[in-house]
Amino acid sequence: MTIRVLLADDQALLRSAFRVLVNSEPDMEVVGEASDGADALRQLREHGADVVLMDIRMPGVDGLTATREISADPALSGVRVVILTTFEVDEYVVQSLRAGASGFLGKGAEPDELLAAIRVAAAGDALLSPAATRGLIARFLAQGDGDPLGARRSADASRLAALTVREREVLVLVAAGLSNDEIAERLSVSPLTVKTHVNRAMAKLGARDRAQLVVIAYETGLVRPRVE
């Protein structure tokens, strides 16, 4: 199956480079280009795509706002967003993950990393290593963003009530950066069983993918961030 990719970046030269790279792969193709978030949303609603490479800073409707709208639109539930940022340590990255992005990638990434990221996102997994995503989330959740973190956690913790004991246990291990195989070894079950628990937790919590599960684990207080 061919992965359909939409490029959203206000730099035409960068879009051109991405287009050549993506179209060079036999399992993916660029189906559209947008210079801002509004145009990206319009093209997605008209023509669709599997993965959006979304620049976080664009004029008009930026990548963060566009990602929120994609996540909130049931018609775009199958679209995965890869946030592109100049600086990987960026508070907007965490906001993007909360908004529904599958993960993030620095614009300085190697071509193979970018292509791998598209494939990972299309498969519904979190970008980069779960541990890397977890570390960034922990840093900014520990700082909070204008409201008392403890109060937010107290309110969010009720979301976990729908999970079974085993699903909570798996969620903790997902947030710790473990892969399905590693979780299976830790719990003495099969990777397929772990995948089932992960998928059920995602469905119950309304998470689009693994990156969202990591965010939820921290926001609900199931996992506590450690600030160095």
Protein backbone atom coordinates (compact mmCIF):
# COMPACT_ATOMS: atom_id res chain seq x y z
CA MET A 1 0.00 0.00 0.00
CA THR A 2 1.29 3.44 -0.94
CA ILE A 3 1.58 5.98 1.89
CA ARG A 4 0.02 9.28 0.79
CA VAL A 5 1.94 12.27 2.17
CA LEU A 6 0.95 15.92 2.42
CA LEU A 7 3.74 18.50 2.90
CA ALA A 8 2.86 21.59 4.96
CA ASP A 9 5.71 24.12 5.21
CA ASP A 10 5.98 27.78 4.29
CA GLN A 11 9.43 27.28 2.76
CA ALA A 12 9.03 26.27 -0.88
CA LEU A 13 12.63 25.09 -1.17
CA LEU A 14 12.20 22.74 1.78
CA ARG A 15 8.93 21.37 0.41
CA SER A 16 10.67 20.72 -2.89
CA ALA A 17 13.44 18.77 -1.19
CA PHE A 18 10.92 16.73 0.81
CA ARG A 19 8.89 16.04 -2.32
CA VAL A 20 11.87 14.66 -4.23
CA LEU A 21 12.86 12.50 -1.26
CA VAL A 22 9.39 11.10 -0.59
CA ASN A 23 8.61 10.46 -4.25
CA SER A 24 11.87 8.53 -4.62
CA GLU A 25 10.44 5.78 -2.40
CA PRO A 26 8.33 3.03 -4.01
CA ASP A 27 5.92 2.83 -1.06
CA MET A 28 5.03 6.52 -0.70
CA GLU A 29 4.02 9.57 -2.73
CA VAL A 30 3.41 13.28 -2.17
CA VAL A 31 -0.26 14.05 -2.83
CA GLY A 32 -0.20 17.74 -1.97
CA GLU A 33 1.76 20.74 -0.73
CA ALA A 34 0.57 23.56 1.50
CA SER A 35 2.26 26.76 2.66
CA ASP A 36 0.12 27.16 5.78
CA GLY A 37 -2.19 25.21 8.04
CA ALA A 38 -5.41 26.47 6.45
CA ASP A 39 -4.37 25.21 3.03
CA ALA A 40 -3.25 21.90 4.56
CA LEU A 41 -6.68 21.42 6.16
CA ARG A 42 -8.46 22.28 2.93
CA GLN A 43 -6.41 19.78 0.93
CA LEU A 44 -6.86 17.06 3.53
CA ARG A 45 -10.62 17.49 3.50
CA GLU A 46 -10.75 17.53 -0.29
CA HIS A 47 -8.22 14.84 -1.19
CA GLY A 48 -7.08 13.14 2.04
CA ALA A 49 -3.64 11.82 3.00
CA ASP A 50 -2.17 9.25 5.35
CA VAL A 51 0.61 11.37 6.85
CA VAL A 52 1.15 15.14 7.08
CA LEU A 53 4.65 16.52 7.50
CA MET A 54 3.64 19.66 9.38
CA ASP A 55 5.90 22.64 10.05
CA ILE A 56 5.01 23.99 13.49
CA ARG A 57 5.63 27.66 12.59
CA MET A 58 3.75 28.94 9.54
CA PRO A 59 1.99 32.23 8.79
CA GLY A 60 -1.76 32.41 9.32
CA VAL A 61 -2.93 29.05 10.64
CA ASP A 62 0.16 27.50 12.19
CA GLY A 63 1.00 23.82 12.53
CA LEU A 64 -0.22 23.57 16.11
CA THR A 65 -3.68 24.93 15.28
CA ALA A 66 -3.93 22.76 12.17
CA THR A 67 -2.96 19.67 14.16
CA ARG A 68 -5.71 20.39 16.70
CA GLU A 69 -8.27 20.73 13.92
CA ILE A 70 -7.15 17.49 12.28
CA SER A 71 -7.42 15.66 15.61
CA ALA A 72 -10.89 17.10 16.29
CA ASP A 73 -12.32 16.22 12.86
CA PRO A 74 -13.79 12.67 12.76
CA ALA A 75 -13.45 12.67 8.98
CA LEU A 76 -9.66 12.98 9.39
CA SER A 77 -9.28 10.33 12.10
CA GLY A 78 -6.98 8.26 9.90
CA VAL A 79 -4.54 11.12 9.26
CA ARG A 80 -1.24 11.05 11.16
CA VAL A 81 0.71 14.26 11.78
CA VAL A 82 4.49 14.45 12.01
CA ILE A 83 5.53 17.81 13.46
CA LEU A 84 8.66 19.34 11.92
CA THR A 85 10.57 21.74 14.12
CA THR A 86 13.90 23.52 13.89
CA PHE A 87 14.57 22.88 17.56
CA GLU A 88 13.59 19.47 18.88
CA VAL A 89 13.44 20.76 22.46
CA ASP A 90 10.47 23.06 22.00
CA GLU A 91 7.45 23.62 24.25
CA TYR A 92 5.22 23.64 21.19
CA VAL A 93 6.17 20.04 20.48
CA VAL A 94 4.43 18.88 23.65
CA GLN A 95 1.39 20.97 22.84
CA SER A 96 1.34 19.31 19.41
CA LEU A 97 1.44 15.85 20.95
CA ARG A 98 -1.43 16.81 23.21
CA ALA A 99 -3.28 18.13 20.16
CA GLY A 100 -2.99 14.76 18.42
CA ALA A 101 0.34 14.66 16.58
CA SER A 102 2.03 11.29 16.31
CA GLY A 103 5.39 12.74 17.23
CA PHE A 104 8.05 15.18 16.15
CA LEU A 105 11.16 15.34 14.03
CA GLY A 106 13.89 17.96 13.76
CA LYS A 107 14.35 19.56 10.37
CA GLY A 108 18.00 18.58 10.58
CA ALA A 109 17.13 14.88 10.53
CA GLU A 110 18.83 12.63 8.01
CA PRO A 111 16.78 11.59 4.93
CA ASP A 112 16.52 8.00 6.17
CA GLU A 113 15.15 9.27 9.50
CA LEU A 114 12.48 11.30 7.75
CA LEU A 115 11.39 8.37 5.60
CA ALA A 116 11.35 6.05 8.60
CA ALA A 117 9.27 8.60 10.51
CA ILE A 118 6.65 8.66 7.76
CA ARG A 119 6.41 4.87 7.81
CA VAL A 120 6.23 4.74 11.60
CA ALA A 121 3.49 7.38 11.71
CA ALA A 122 1.51 5.66 8.94
CA ALA A 123 1.59 2.47 11.02
CA GLY A 124 0.07 4.34 13.97
CA ASP A 125 3.14 4.26 16.19
CA ALA A 126 4.90 7.09 18.02
CA LEU A 127 7.75 8.84 16.27
CA LEU A 128 11.36 8.50 17.34
CA SER A 129 11.97 6.33 20.36
CA PRO A 130 9.21 6.31 22.99
CA ALA A 131 11.88 7.22 25.55
CA ALA A 132 12.84 10.37 23.65
CA THR A 133 9.23 11.48 23.36
CA ARG A 134 8.65 10.64 27.02
CA GLY A 135 11.60 12.72 28.17
CA LEU A 136 10.43 15.84 26.37
CA ILE A 137 6.87 15.43 27.64
CA ALA A 138 8.07 14.92 31.21
CA ARG A 139 10.16 18.08 31.10
CA PHE A 140 7.33 20.35 30.03
CA LEU A 141 4.57 18.68 32.04
CA ALA A 142 6.77 19.14 35.10
CA GLN A 143 6.92 22.87 34.37
CA GLY A 144 3.23 23.12 33.69
CA ASP A 145 1.72 25.59 31.28
CA GLY A 146 -0.05 28.26 33.28
CA ASP A 147 -2.35 26.15 35.47
CA PRO A 148 -1.59 24.12 38.59
CA LEU A 149 -0.33 20.74 37.42
CA GLY A 150 -1.71 19.00 40.49
CA ALA A 151 -5.21 20.30 39.82
CA ARG A 152 -5.06 19.21 36.20
CA ARG A 153 -3.88 15.76 37.18
CA SER A 154 -6.67 15.40 39.73
CA ALA A 155 -9.25 16.22 37.07
CA ASP A 156 -7.66 13.99 34.45
CA ALA A 157 -7.13 10.96 36.67
CA SER A 158 -10.78 9.93 36.30
CA ARG A 159 -10.00 9.05 32.67
CA LEU A 160 -8.14 5.98 33.88
CA ALA A 161 -11.22 4.46 35.52
CA ALA A 162 -12.16 2.65 32.33
CA LEU A 163 -8.84 0.77 32.19
CA THR A 164 -8.31 -2.69 33.63
CA VAL A 165 -5.47 -3.27 36.06
CA ARG A 166 -3.43 -4.90 33.30
CA GLU A 167 -4.10 -2.05 30.88
CA ARG A 168 -2.85 0.44 33.48
CA GLU A 169 0.25 -1.67 33.99
CA VAL A 170 0.90 -1.72 30.25
CA LEU A 171 0.31 2.05 30.04
CA VAL A 172 2.97 2.67 32.70
CA LEU A 173 5.46 0.58 30.71
CA VAL A 174 4.57 2.34 27.45
CA ALA A 175 5.27 5.67 29.17
CA ALA A 176 8.58 4.25 30.40
CA GLY A 177 9.66 3.91 26.78
CA LEU A 178 9.40 0.14 26.45
CA SER A 179 8.50 -1.49 23.15
CA ASN A 180 5.79 -4.14 22.89
CA ASP A 181 8.43 -6.87 22.86
CA GLU A 182 10.08 -5.46 25.98
CA ILE A 183 6.74 -5.14 27.76
CA ALA A 184 5.88 -8.72 26.79
CA GLU A 185 9.13 -9.96 28.30
CA ARG A 186 8.57 -7.92 31.48
CA LEU A 187 5.02 -9.25 31.95
CA SER A 188 5.68 -12.79 30.65
CA VAL A 189 3.02 -12.53 27.94
CA SER A 190 3.14 -12.49 24.14
CA PRO A 191 3.79 -9.30 22.12
CA LEU A 192 0.37 -9.82 20.50
CA THR A 193 -1.26 -9.73 23.94
CA VAL A 194 0.58 -6.49 24.73
CA LYS A 195 -0.53 -5.00 21.43
CA THR A 196 -4.13 -5.89 22.29
CA HIS A 197 -3.85 -4.17 25.69
CA VAL A 198 -2.27 -1.09 24.08
CA ASN A 199 -4.99 -0.89 21.43
CA ARG A 200 -7.73 -1.26 24.05
CA ALA A 201 -6.17 1.45 26.21
CA MET A 202 -5.97 3.74 23.19
CA ALA A 203 -9.63 3.14 22.37
CA LYS A 204 -10.81 3.71 25.96
CA LEU A 205 -8.73 6.87 26.41
CA GLY A 206 -9.38 8.31 22.97
CA ALA A 207 -5.68 8.23 22.09
CA ARG A 208 -4.73 8.35 18.44
CA ASP A 209 -1.46 6.53 18.93
CA ARG A 210 1.33 5.59 21.33
CA ALA A 211 2.59 9.15 21.72
CA GLN A 212 -0.83 10.18 23.00
CA LEU A 213 -0.75 7.35 25.54
CA VAL A 214 2.53 8.70 26.92
CA VAL A 215 1.02 12.18 27.29
CA ILE A 216 -2.05 10.77 29.07
CA ALA A 217 0.10 8.73 31.45
CA TYR A 218 1.81 11.94 32.61
CA GLU A 219 -1.24 14.20 32.56
CA THR A 220 -3.26 11.82 34.73
CA GLY A 221 -0.43 11.38 37.21
CA LEU A 222 -0.14 7.65 36.52
CA VAL A 223 3.52 8.35 35.81
CA ARG A 224 5.35 11.14 37.61
CA PRO A 225 7.84 13.29 35.70
CA ARG A 226 11.32 13.49 37.12
CA VAL A 227 13.01 16.87 36.77
CA GLU A 228 16.79 16.68 36.79
